[in-house]
């Protein structure tokens, strides 16, 4: 009898009567306290909805890549750097979230291979695919209610596609409330400024070049996210815990160096984003 009563209590008919309509769910209050993250993918739709309503109307679309980075660094180098820098930028802006990292970008011709595509593990998109992907992401974010969509890229090959998408959508959205901004400055002079800061203010400068697609700046910023992705323990065991003449041990000191780089680059980029958004509204 107990089993029968449970079947009745949870019958499909009764469950169907309790299902929210889309409009009801969109308007419903959160049944629990909000969680916190700067990453959209770590938030519920209700948390994002309420943040937008409270003024978090800027969203950053970070683009990274999967490419060859020498014998020590994981192929997701740019994505790991963005894992550290994007939330730091959003926090400094005070009214921004980070969209999921766009991990697939142009890395060279696939067949016959060129650029990074000569190396196993690299993944490349055509320019058309990359721009179509960015366009659909931006359209989705506009639909969500964000009024300022910011494109940034950690790799040189990402920049042209972002510029093209921003130019096309700027024209398409000219009469609307939403603006799209390609902030080239995150990449350049953002990288150069970070290097100069590291040398001039932190006193850390490379004294040579090991010949790899690698340097102390990318290594230290990657280590903020995950030291294993620069193969720190294996390099210590092999006596190779340095890059371009700069030691990356002790581990804690290099992570702290990376944090200072991230902090500087985030502040630099946040200032550029504020400037671009302000200019677009005048």
C-alpha atoms as a PDB file:
ATOM      1  CA  UNK A   1       0.000   0.000   0.000  1.00  0.00           C
ATOM      2  CA  UNK A   2       2.836   2.358   0.812  1.00  0.00           C
ATOM      3  CA  UNK A   3       4.460   1.720  -2.548  1.00  0.00           C
ATOM      4  CA  UNK A   4       1.168   2.351  -4.323  1.00  0.00           C
ATOM      5  CA  UNK A   5       0.655   5.642  -2.490  1.00  0.00           C
ATOM      6  CA  UNK A   6       4.131   6.793  -3.522  1.00  0.00           C
ATOM      7  CA  UNK A   7       3.380   6.008  -7.145  1.00  0.00           C
ATOM      8  CA  UNK A   8       0.239   8.116  -6.958  1.00  0.00           C
ATOM      9  CA  UNK A   9       1.995  10.986  -5.156  1.00  0.00           C
ATOM     10  CA  UNK A  10       4.634  11.227  -7.861  1.00  0.00           C
ATOM     11  CA  UNK A  11       2.510  10.400 -10.878  1.00  0.00           C
ATOM     12  CA  UNK A  12       3.399  12.113 -14.172  1.00  0.00           C
ATOM     13  CA  UNK A  13       0.106  14.007 -14.152  1.00  0.00           C
ATOM     14  CA  UNK A  14       0.784  15.642 -10.796  1.00  0.00           C
ATOM     15  CA  UNK A  15       4.373  16.394 -11.737  1.00  0.00           C
ATOM     16  CA  UNK A  16       3.252  18.025 -14.982  1.00  0.00           C
ATOM     17  CA  UNK A  17       0.909  20.298 -13.032  1.00  0.00           C
ATOM     18  CA  UNK A  18       3.895  21.601 -11.044  1.00  0.00           C
ATOM     19  CA  UNK A  19       6.081  22.486 -14.056  1.00  0.00           C
ATOM     20  CA  UNK A  20       6.758  26.196 -14.565  1.00  0.00           C
ATOM     21  CA  UNK A  21       6.046  27.837 -17.875  1.00  0.00           C
ATOM     22  CA  UNK A  22       8.999  29.692 -19.431  1.00  0.00           C
ATOM     23  CA  UNK A  23       7.498  33.054 -18.471  1.00  0.00           C
ATOM     24  CA  UNK A  24       6.875  31.934 -14.905  1.00  0.00           C
ATOM     25  CA  UNK A  25      10.393  30.577 -14.535  1.00  0.00           C
ATOM     26  CA  UNK A  26      11.917  33.709 -16.010  1.00  0.00           C
ATOM     27  CA  UNK A  27      10.015  35.839 -13.491  1.00  0.00           C
ATOM     28  CA  UNK A  28      10.464  33.553 -10.474  1.00  0.00           C
ATOM     29  CA  UNK A  29      12.495  34.591  -7.444  1.00  0.00           C
ATOM     30  CA  UNK A  30      15.607  32.600  -6.596  1.00  0.00           C
ATOM     31  CA  UNK A  31      14.667  29.925  -4.059  1.00  0.00           C
ATOM     32  CA  UNK A  32      18.193  30.013  -2.563  1.00  0.00           C
ATOM     33  CA  UNK A  33      20.921  32.575  -1.966  1.00  0.00           C
ATOM     34  CA  UNK A  34      23.025  33.461  -4.998  1.00  0.00           C
ATOM     35  CA  UNK A  35      26.384  31.842  -5.597  1.00  0.00           C
ATOM     36  CA  UNK A  36      29.331  33.931  -6.725  1.00  0.00           C
ATOM     37  CA  UNK A  37      31.611  33.636  -9.756  1.00  0.00           C
ATOM     38  CA  UNK A  38      32.857  35.904 -12.499  1.00  0.00           C
ATOM     39  CA  UNK A  39      32.392  33.032 -14.973  1.00  0.00           C
ATOM     40  CA  UNK A  40      28.946  32.811 -16.562  1.00  0.00           C
ATOM     41  CA  UNK A  41      29.186  29.043 -16.899  1.00  0.00           C
ATOM     42  CA  UNK A  42      29.461  28.754 -13.112  1.00  0.00           C
ATOM     43  CA  UNK A  43      26.278  30.750 -12.488  1.00  0.00           C
ATOM     44  CA  UNK A  44      22.603  29.810 -12.764  1.00  0.00           C
ATOM     45  CA  UNK A  45      20.380  31.663 -15.202  1.00  0.00           C
ATOM     46  CA  UNK A  46      18.646  33.315 -12.233  1.00  0.00           C
ATOM     47  CA  UNK A  47      21.940  34.580 -10.852  1.00  0.00           C
ATOM     48  CA  UNK A  48      22.913  35.997 -14.249  1.00  0.00           C
ATOM     49  CA  UNK A  49      19.452  37.526 -14.718  1.00  0.00           C
ATOM     50  CA  UNK A  50      19.620  39.252 -11.345  1.00  0.00           C
ATOM     51  CA  UNK A  51      23.189  40.471 -11.853  1.00  0.00           C
ATOM     52  CA  UNK A  52      22.194  42.069 -15.165  1.00  0.00           C
ATOM     53  CA  UNK A  53      19.176  43.699 -13.526  1.00  0.00           C
ATOM     54  CA  UNK A  54      21.459  45.074 -10.804  1.00  0.00           C
ATOM     55  CA  UNK A  55      23.859  46.644 -13.327  1.00  0.00           C
ATOM     56  CA  UNK A  56      26.297  43.905 -14.314  1.00  0.00           C
ATOM     57  CA  UNK A  57      25.734  44.637 -17.975  1.00  0.00           C
ATOM     58  CA  UNK A  58      29.240  44.121 -19.385  1.00  0.00           C
ATOM     59  CA  UNK A  59      30.442  40.703 -20.505  1.00  0.00           C
ATOM     60  CA  UNK A  60      33.961  39.795 -21.639  1.00  0.00           C
ATOM     61  CA  UNK A  61      34.443  37.177 -24.363  1.00  0.00           C
ATOM     62  CA  UNK A  62      38.027  35.862 -23.964  1.00  0.00           C
ATOM     63  CA  UNK A  63      39.657  33.989 -26.851  1.00  0.00           C
ATOM     64  CA  UNK A  64      42.598  31.655 -26.313  1.00  0.00           C
ATOM     65  CA  UNK A  65      43.770  28.721 -28.396  1.00  0.00           C
ATOM     66  CA  UNK A  66      45.184  25.201 -28.525  1.00  0.00           C
ATOM     67  CA  UNK A  67      48.691  25.295 -29.979  1.00  0.00           C
ATOM     68  CA  UNK A  68      52.324  24.216 -29.772  1.00  0.00           C
ATOM     69  CA  UNK A  69      54.217  25.929 -26.944  1.00  0.00           C
ATOM     70  CA  UNK A  70      57.509  24.087 -26.740  1.00  0.00           C
ATOM     71  CA  UNK A  71      58.432  21.083 -24.575  1.00  0.00           C
ATOM     72  CA  UNK A  72      57.265  22.425 -21.209  1.00  0.00           C
ATOM     73  CA  UNK A  73      53.976  24.284 -21.669  1.00  0.00           C
ATOM     74  CA  UNK A  74      50.595  22.632 -22.232  1.00  0.00           C
ATOM     75  CA  UNK A  75      48.881  23.355 -25.543  1.00  0.00           C
ATOM     76  CA  UNK A  76      46.163  25.298 -23.705  1.00  0.00           C
ATOM     77  CA  UNK A  77      48.637  28.017 -22.650  1.00  0.00           C
ATOM     78  CA  UNK A  78      46.475  30.960 -23.690  1.00  0.00           C
ATOM     79  CA  UNK A  79      43.360  29.490 -22.072  1.00  0.00           C
ATOM     80  CA  UNK A  80      45.182  29.042 -18.759  1.00  0.00           C
ATOM     81  CA  UNK A  81      46.354  32.651 -18.828  1.00  0.00           C
ATOM     82  CA  UNK A  82      42.793  33.798 -19.506  1.00  0.00           C
ATOM     83  CA  UNK A  83      41.523  31.714 -16.585  1.00  0.00           C
ATOM     84  CA  UNK A  84      43.594  34.002 -14.367  1.00  0.00           C
ATOM     85  CA  UNK A  85      43.252  37.323 -16.186  1.00  0.00           C
ATOM     86  CA  UNK A  86      39.591  37.474 -17.237  1.00  0.00           C
ATOM     87  CA  UNK A  87      38.053  37.272 -13.732  1.00  0.00           C
ATOM     88  CA  UNK A  88      40.662  39.750 -12.502  1.00  0.00           C
ATOM     89  CA  UNK A  89      39.570  42.184 -15.226  1.00  0.00           C
ATOM     90  CA  UNK A  90      35.886  41.627 -14.442  1.00  0.00           C
ATOM     91  CA  UNK A  91      36.483  42.250 -10.757  1.00  0.00           C
ATOM     92  CA  UNK A  92      38.250  45.537 -11.479  1.00  0.00           C
ATOM     93  CA  UNK A  93      35.445  46.686 -13.774  1.00  0.00           C
ATOM     94  CA  UNK A  94      32.920  45.966 -11.042  1.00  0.00           C
ATOM     95  CA  UNK A  95      30.009  45.383 -13.419  1.00  0.00           C
ATOM     96  CA  UNK A  96      31.240  42.558 -15.645  1.00  0.00           C
ATOM     97  CA  UNK A  97      31.185  38.811 -16.121  1.00  0.00           C
ATOM     98  CA  UNK A  98      33.328  36.491 -18.247  1.00  0.00           C
ATOM     99  CA  UNK A  99      31.765  34.365 -20.954  1.00  0.00           C
ATOM    100  CA  UNK A 100      33.318  30.888 -21.382  1.00  0.00           C
ATOM    101  CA  UNK A 101      36.760  31.002 -22.980  1.00  0.00           C
ATOM    102  CA  UNK A 102      36.712  30.487 -26.749  1.00  0.00           C
ATOM    103  CA  UNK A 103      39.371  27.784 -26.841  1.00  0.00           C
ATOM    104  CA  UNK A 104      39.341  27.073 -30.583  1.00  0.00           C
ATOM    105  CA  UNK A 105      40.764  29.791 -32.836  1.00  0.00           C
ATOM    106  CA  UNK A 106      42.761  30.089 -36.092  1.00  0.00           C
ATOM    107  CA  UNK A 107      46.160  28.412 -35.605  1.00  0.00           C
ATOM    108  CA  UNK A 108      47.240  27.998 -39.220  1.00  0.00           C
ATOM    109  CA  UNK A 109      46.234  26.071 -42.295  1.00  0.00           C
ATOM    110  CA  UNK A 110      45.164  22.496 -41.550  1.00  0.00           C
ATOM    111  CA  UNK A 111      46.030  20.700 -44.803  1.00  0.00           C
ATOM    112  CA  UNK A 112      48.706  21.274 -45.883  1.00  0.00           C
ATOM    113  CA  UNK A 113      49.637  22.327 -42.351  1.00  0.00           C
ATOM    114  CA  UNK A 114      51.174  25.669 -41.503  1.00  0.00           C
ATOM    115  CA  UNK A 115      52.050  27.468 -38.290  1.00  0.00           C
ATOM    116  CA  UNK A 116      51.069  25.606 -35.132  1.00  0.00           C
ATOM    117  CA  UNK A 117      49.269  22.961 -37.201  1.00  0.00           C
ATOM    118  CA  UNK A 118      52.603  21.327 -38.000  1.00  0.00           C
ATOM    119  CA  UNK A 119      52.648  20.096 -34.386  1.00  0.00           C
ATOM    120  CA  UNK A 120      50.485  17.361 -32.816  1.00  0.00           C
ATOM    121  CA  UNK A 121      47.706  18.591 -30.545  1.00  0.00           C
ATOM    122  CA  UNK A 122      47.105  21.955 -32.184  1.00  0.00           C
ATOM    123  CA  UNK A 123      43.514  22.642 -33.244  1.00  0.00           C
ATOM    124  CA  UNK A 124      42.677  25.295 -35.834  1.00  0.00           C
ATOM    125  CA  UNK A 125      39.543  26.967 -37.127  1.00  0.00           C
ATOM    126  CA  UNK A 126      39.182  28.675 -40.470  1.00  0.00           C
ATOM    127  CA  UNK A 127      38.662  32.416 -40.291  1.00  0.00           C
ATOM    128  CA  UNK A 128      35.054  31.955 -41.415  1.00  0.00           C
ATOM    129  CA  UNK A 129      34.305  29.382 -38.706  1.00  0.00           C
ATOM    130  CA  UNK A 130      35.960  31.506 -36.013  1.00  0.00           C
ATOM    131  CA  UNK A 131      34.054  34.626 -36.999  1.00  0.00           C
ATOM    132  CA  UNK A 132      30.768  32.717 -37.212  1.00  0.00           C
ATOM    133  CA  UNK A 133      31.386  31.313 -33.725  1.00  0.00           C
ATOM    134  CA  UNK A 134      32.148  34.736 -32.258  1.00  0.00           C
ATOM    135  CA  UNK A 135      29.091  36.224 -33.981  1.00  0.00           C
ATOM    136  CA  UNK A 136      26.733  33.632 -32.524  1.00  0.00           C
ATOM    137  CA  UNK A 137      28.266  34.040 -29.065  1.00  0.00           C
ATOM    138  CA  UNK A 138      27.811  37.820 -29.239  1.00  0.00           C
ATOM    139  CA  UNK A 139      24.231  37.495 -30.479  1.00  0.00           C
ATOM    140  CA  UNK A 140      23.471  35.122 -27.609  1.00  0.00           C
ATOM    141  CA  UNK A 141      24.911  37.518 -25.036  1.00  0.00           C
ATOM    142  CA  UNK A 142      22.926  40.381 -26.507  1.00  0.00           C
ATOM    143  CA  UNK A 143      19.796  38.244 -26.190  1.00  0.00           C
ATOM    144  CA  UNK A 144      20.644  37.694 -22.512  1.00  0.00           C
ATOM    145  CA  UNK A 145      20.493  41.431 -21.864  1.00  0.00           C
ATOM    146  CA  UNK A 146      24.139  42.488 -21.742  1.00  0.00           C
ATOM    147  CA  UNK A 147      24.630  45.983 -23.135  1.00  0.00           C
ATOM    148  CA  UNK A 148      28.425  45.947 -23.573  1.00  0.00           C
ATOM    149  CA  UNK A 149      30.124  42.909 -25.104  1.00  0.00           C
ATOM    150  CA  UNK A 150      33.929  43.001 -24.997  1.00  0.00           C
ATOM    151  CA  UNK A 151      36.163  40.804 -27.164  1.00  0.00           C
ATOM    152  CA  UNK A 152      39.732  40.148 -26.005  1.00  0.00           C
ATOM    153  CA  UNK A 153      42.336  37.677 -27.266  1.00  0.00           C
ATOM    154  CA  UNK A 154      45.553  36.362 -25.762  1.00  0.00           C
ATOM    155  CA  UNK A 155      47.070  35.322 -29.106  1.00  0.00           C
ATOM    156  CA  UNK A 156      48.046  37.315 -32.164  1.00  0.00           C
ATOM    157  CA  UNK A 157      46.133  35.096 -34.583  1.00  0.00           C
ATOM    158  CA  UNK A 158      42.859  35.856 -32.816  1.00  0.00           C
ATOM    159  CA  UNK A 159      42.851  39.595 -33.374  1.00  0.00           C
ATOM    160  CA  UNK A 160      41.738  39.993 -37.007  1.00  0.00           C
ATOM    161  CA  UNK A 161      38.648  37.819 -36.598  1.00  0.00           C
ATOM    162  CA  UNK A 162      37.546  39.707 -33.495  1.00  0.00           C
ATOM    163  CA  UNK A 163      38.040  43.017 -35.270  1.00  0.00           C
ATOM    164  CA  UNK A 164      35.945  41.831 -38.219  1.00  0.00           C
ATOM    165  CA  UNK A 165      33.090  40.574 -36.025  1.00  0.00           C
ATOM    166  CA  UNK A 166      33.066  43.736 -33.925  1.00  0.00           C
ATOM    167  CA  UNK A 167      32.939  45.926 -37.038  1.00  0.00           C
ATOM    168  CA  UNK A 168      30.072  43.932 -38.559  1.00  0.00           C
ATOM    169  CA  UNK A 169      27.974  43.844 -35.396  1.00  0.00           C
ATOM    170  CA  UNK A 170      28.661  47.488 -34.628  1.00  0.00           C
ATOM    171  CA  UNK A 171      26.935  48.348 -37.891  1.00  0.00           C
ATOM    172  CA  UNK A 172      24.146  45.827 -37.365  1.00  0.00           C
ATOM    173  CA  UNK A 173      23.435  47.051 -33.822  1.00  0.00           C
ATOM    174  CA  UNK A 174      23.882  50.750 -34.515  1.00  0.00           C
ATOM    175  CA  UNK A 175      20.341  51.692 -33.539  1.00  0.00           C
ATOM    176  CA  UNK A 176      20.104  49.396 -30.516  1.00  0.00           C
ATOM    177  CA  UNK A 177      21.216  49.593 -26.897  1.00  0.00           C
ATOM    178  CA  UNK A 178      23.891  46.900 -27.071  1.00  0.00           C
ATOM    179  CA  UNK A 179      27.454  47.780 -28.078  1.00  0.00           C
ATOM    180  CA  UNK A 180      30.298  45.463 -29.030  1.00  0.00           C
ATOM    181  CA  UNK A 181      33.923  46.364 -28.393  1.00  0.00           C
ATOM    182  CA  UNK A 182      37.086  44.735 -29.686  1.00  0.00           C
ATOM    183  CA  UNK A 183      39.820  45.627 -27.192  1.00  0.00           C
ATOM    184  CA  UNK A 184      43.048  44.948 -29.085  1.00  0.00           C
ATOM    185  CA  UNK A 185      44.930  46.597 -26.230  1.00  0.00           C
ATOM    186  CA  UNK A 186      44.616  43.474 -24.055  1.00  0.00           C
ATOM    187  CA  UNK A 187      47.038  41.818 -26.482  1.00  0.00           C
ATOM    188  CA  UNK A 188      49.023  44.813 -27.658  1.00  0.00           C
ATOM    189  CA  UNK A 189      50.325  46.832 -25.958  1.00  0.00           C
ATOM    190  CA  UNK A 190      49.055  44.740 -23.010  1.00  0.00           C
ATOM    191  CA  UNK A 191      51.750  42.101 -23.396  1.00  0.00           C
ATOM    192  CA  UNK A 192      54.502  44.662 -23.950  1.00  0.00           C
ATOM    193  CA  UNK A 193      53.357  46.783 -21.002  1.00  0.00           C
ATOM    194  CA  UNK A 194      53.352  43.712 -18.759  1.00  0.00           C
ATOM    195  CA  UNK A 195      56.864  42.809 -19.856  1.00  0.00           C
ATOM    196  CA  UNK A 196      58.107  46.334 -19.172  1.00  0.00           C
ATOM    197  CA  UNK A 197      56.398  46.342 -15.769  1.00  0.00           C
ATOM    198  CA  UNK A 198      58.023  43.026 -14.889  1.00  0.00           C
ATOM    199  CA  UNK A 199      61.450  44.247 -15.861  1.00  0.00           C
ATOM    200  CA  UNK A 200      61.204  47.829 -14.586  1.00  0.00           C
ATOM    201  CA  UNK A 201      59.112  47.437 -11.442  1.00  0.00           C
ATOM    202  CA  UNK A 202      59.684  43.827 -10.391  1.00  0.00           C
ATOM    203  CA  UNK A 203      63.301  43.554 -11.513  1.00  0.00           C
ATOM    204  CA  UNK A 204      62.797  40.336 -13.486  1.00  0.00           C
ATOM    205  CA  UNK A 205      64.273  40.242 -16.990  1.00  0.00           C
ATOM    206  CA  UNK A 206      65.200  37.462 -19.381  1.00  0.00           C
ATOM    207  CA  UNK A 207      68.902  37.096 -20.140  1.00  0.00           C
ATOM    208  CA  UNK A 208      68.668  34.745 -23.106  1.00  0.00           C
ATOM    209  CA  UNK A 209      66.341  32.703 -25.309  1.00  0.00           C
ATOM    210  CA  UNK A 210      65.990  28.929 -25.103  1.00  0.00           C
ATOM    211  CA  UNK A 211      64.508  28.755 -28.609  1.00  0.00           C
ATOM    212  CA  UNK A 212      60.979  27.765 -27.608  1.00  0.00           C
ATOM    213  CA  UNK A 213      57.522  29.345 -27.983  1.00  0.00           C
ATOM    214  CA  UNK A 214      57.722  30.184 -24.281  1.00  0.00           C
ATOM    215  CA  UNK A 215      58.898  32.914 -21.910  1.00  0.00           C
ATOM    216  CA  UNK A 216      58.829  33.888 -18.240  1.00  0.00           C
ATOM    217  CA  UNK A 217      55.652  35.943 -18.650  1.00  0.00           C
ATOM    218  CA  UNK A 218      53.474  33.182 -20.057  1.00  0.00           C
ATOM    219  CA  UNK A 219      55.040  30.618 -17.716  1.00  0.00           C
ATOM    220  CA  UNK A 220      54.423  32.644 -14.550  1.00  0.00           C
ATOM    221  CA  UNK A 221      50.848  33.597 -15.485  1.00  0.00           C
ATOM    222  CA  UNK A 222      50.041  29.978 -16.361  1.00  0.00           C
ATOM    223  CA  UNK A 223      51.367  28.918 -12.976  1.00  0.00           C
ATOM    224  CA  UNK A 224      48.805  31.135 -11.248  1.00  0.00           C
ATOM    225  CA  UNK A 225      46.154  28.804 -12.694  1.00  0.00           C
ATOM    226  CA  UNK A 226      47.999  25.469 -12.543  1.00  0.00           C
ATOM    227  CA  UNK A 227      51.756  24.892 -12.074  1.00  0.00           C
ATOM    228  CA  UNK A 228      51.393  21.345 -13.422  1.00  0.00           C
ATOM    229  CA  UNK A 229      50.658  22.804 -16.869  1.00  0.00           C
ATOM    230  CA  UNK A 230      54.239  24.089 -17.120  1.00  0.00           C
ATOM    231  CA  UNK A 231      55.506  20.666 -15.932  1.00  0.00           C
ATOM    232  CA  UNK A 232      57.119  22.190 -12.865  1.00  0.00           C
ATOM    233  CA  UNK A 233      57.913  18.944 -11.006  1.00  0.00           C
ATOM    234  CA  UNK A 234      59.338  17.233 -14.095  1.00  0.00           C
ATOM    235  CA  UNK A 235      61.513  20.243 -14.871  1.00  0.00           C
ATOM    236  CA  UNK A 236      62.843  20.332 -11.316  1.00  0.00           C
ATOM    237  CA  UNK A 237      63.720  16.628 -11.576  1.00  0.00           C
ATOM    238  CA  UNK A 238      65.490  17.224 -14.906  1.00  0.00           C
ATOM    239  CA  UNK A 239      67.335  20.349 -13.755  1.00  0.00           C
ATOM    240  CA  UNK A 240      65.417  22.458 -16.290  1.00  0.00           C
ATOM    241  CA  UNK A 241      63.372  24.702 -13.987  1.00  0.00           C
ATOM    242  CA  UNK A 242      64.136  27.921 -15.839  1.00  0.00           C
ATOM    243  CA  UNK A 243      63.145  29.714 -19.020  1.00  0.00           C
ATOM    244  CA  UNK A 244      65.238  32.161 -21.020  1.00  0.00           C
ATOM    245  CA  UNK A 245      67.678  32.587 -18.152  1.00  0.00           C
ATOM    246  CA  UNK A 246      65.049  33.089 -15.413  1.00  0.00           C
ATOM    247  CA  UNK A 247      64.572  30.467 -12.704  1.00  0.00           C
ATOM    248  CA  UNK A 248      60.987  29.364 -11.995  1.00  0.00           C
ATOM    249  CA  UNK A 249      61.782  28.038  -8.537  1.00  0.00           C
ATOM    250  CA  UNK A 250      60.952  28.355  -5.734  1.00  0.00           C
ATOM    251  CA  UNK A 251      57.432  27.558  -6.938  1.00  0.00           C
ATOM    252  CA  UNK A 252      55.709  29.987  -4.576  1.00  0.00           C
ATOM    253  CA  UNK A 253      57.842  32.901  -5.730  1.00  0.00           C
ATOM    254  CA  UNK A 254      57.061  32.310  -9.401  1.00  0.00           C
ATOM    255  CA  UNK A 255      53.331  32.012  -8.689  1.00  0.00           C
ATOM    256  CA  UNK A 256      53.497  35.305  -6.810  1.00  0.00           C
ATOM    257  CA  UNK A 257      55.375  36.836  -9.754  1.00  0.00           C
ATOM    258  CA  UNK A 258      52.582  35.594 -12.027  1.00  0.00           C
ATOM    259  CA  UNK A 259      49.929  37.097  -9.751  1.00  0.00           C
ATOM    260  CA  UNK A 260      51.616  40.484  -9.964  1.00  0.00           C
ATOM    261  CA  UNK A 261      51.699  40.202 -13.754  1.00  0.00           C
ATOM    262  CA  UNK A 262      48.015  39.267 -13.838  1.00  0.00           C
ATOM    263  CA  UNK A 263      47.149  42.149 -11.519  1.00  0.00           C
ATOM    264  CA  UNK A 264      49.012  44.628 -13.701  1.00  0.00           C
ATOM    265  CA  UNK A 265      47.595  43.337 -16.972  1.00  0.00           C
ATOM    266  CA  UNK A 266      44.066  43.256 -15.547  1.00  0.00           C
ATOM    267  CA  UNK A 267      44.285  46.854 -14.359  1.00  0.00           C
ATOM    268  CA  UNK A 268      45.718  47.965 -17.700  1.00  0.00           C
ATOM    269  CA  UNK A 269      42.957  46.170 -19.614  1.00  0.00           C
ATOM    270  CA  UNK A 270      40.137  47.324 -17.340  1.00  0.00           C
ATOM    271  CA  UNK A 271      41.185  50.928 -17.931  1.00  0.00           C
ATOM    272  CA  UNK A 272      41.156  50.349 -21.698  1.00  0.00           C
ATOM    273  CA  UNK A 273      37.709  48.738 -21.533  1.00  0.00           C
ATOM    274  CA  UNK A 274      36.291  51.632 -19.519  1.00  0.00           C
ATOM    275  CA  UNK A 275      37.681  54.079 -22.055  1.00  0.00           C
ATOM    276  CA  UNK A 276      36.267  52.202 -25.045  1.00  0.00           C
ATOM    277  CA  UNK A 277      32.826  51.799 -23.471  1.00  0.00           C
ATOM    278  CA  UNK A 278      32.702  55.440 -22.456  1.00  0.00           C
ATOM    279  CA  UNK A 279      33.648  56.583 -25.966  1.00  0.00           C
ATOM    280  CA  UNK A 280      30.951  54.375 -27.509  1.00  0.00           C
ATOM    281  CA  UNK A 281      28.251  55.991 -25.375  1.00  0.00           C
ATOM    282  CA  UNK A 282      29.202  59.589 -26.208  1.00  0.00           C
END
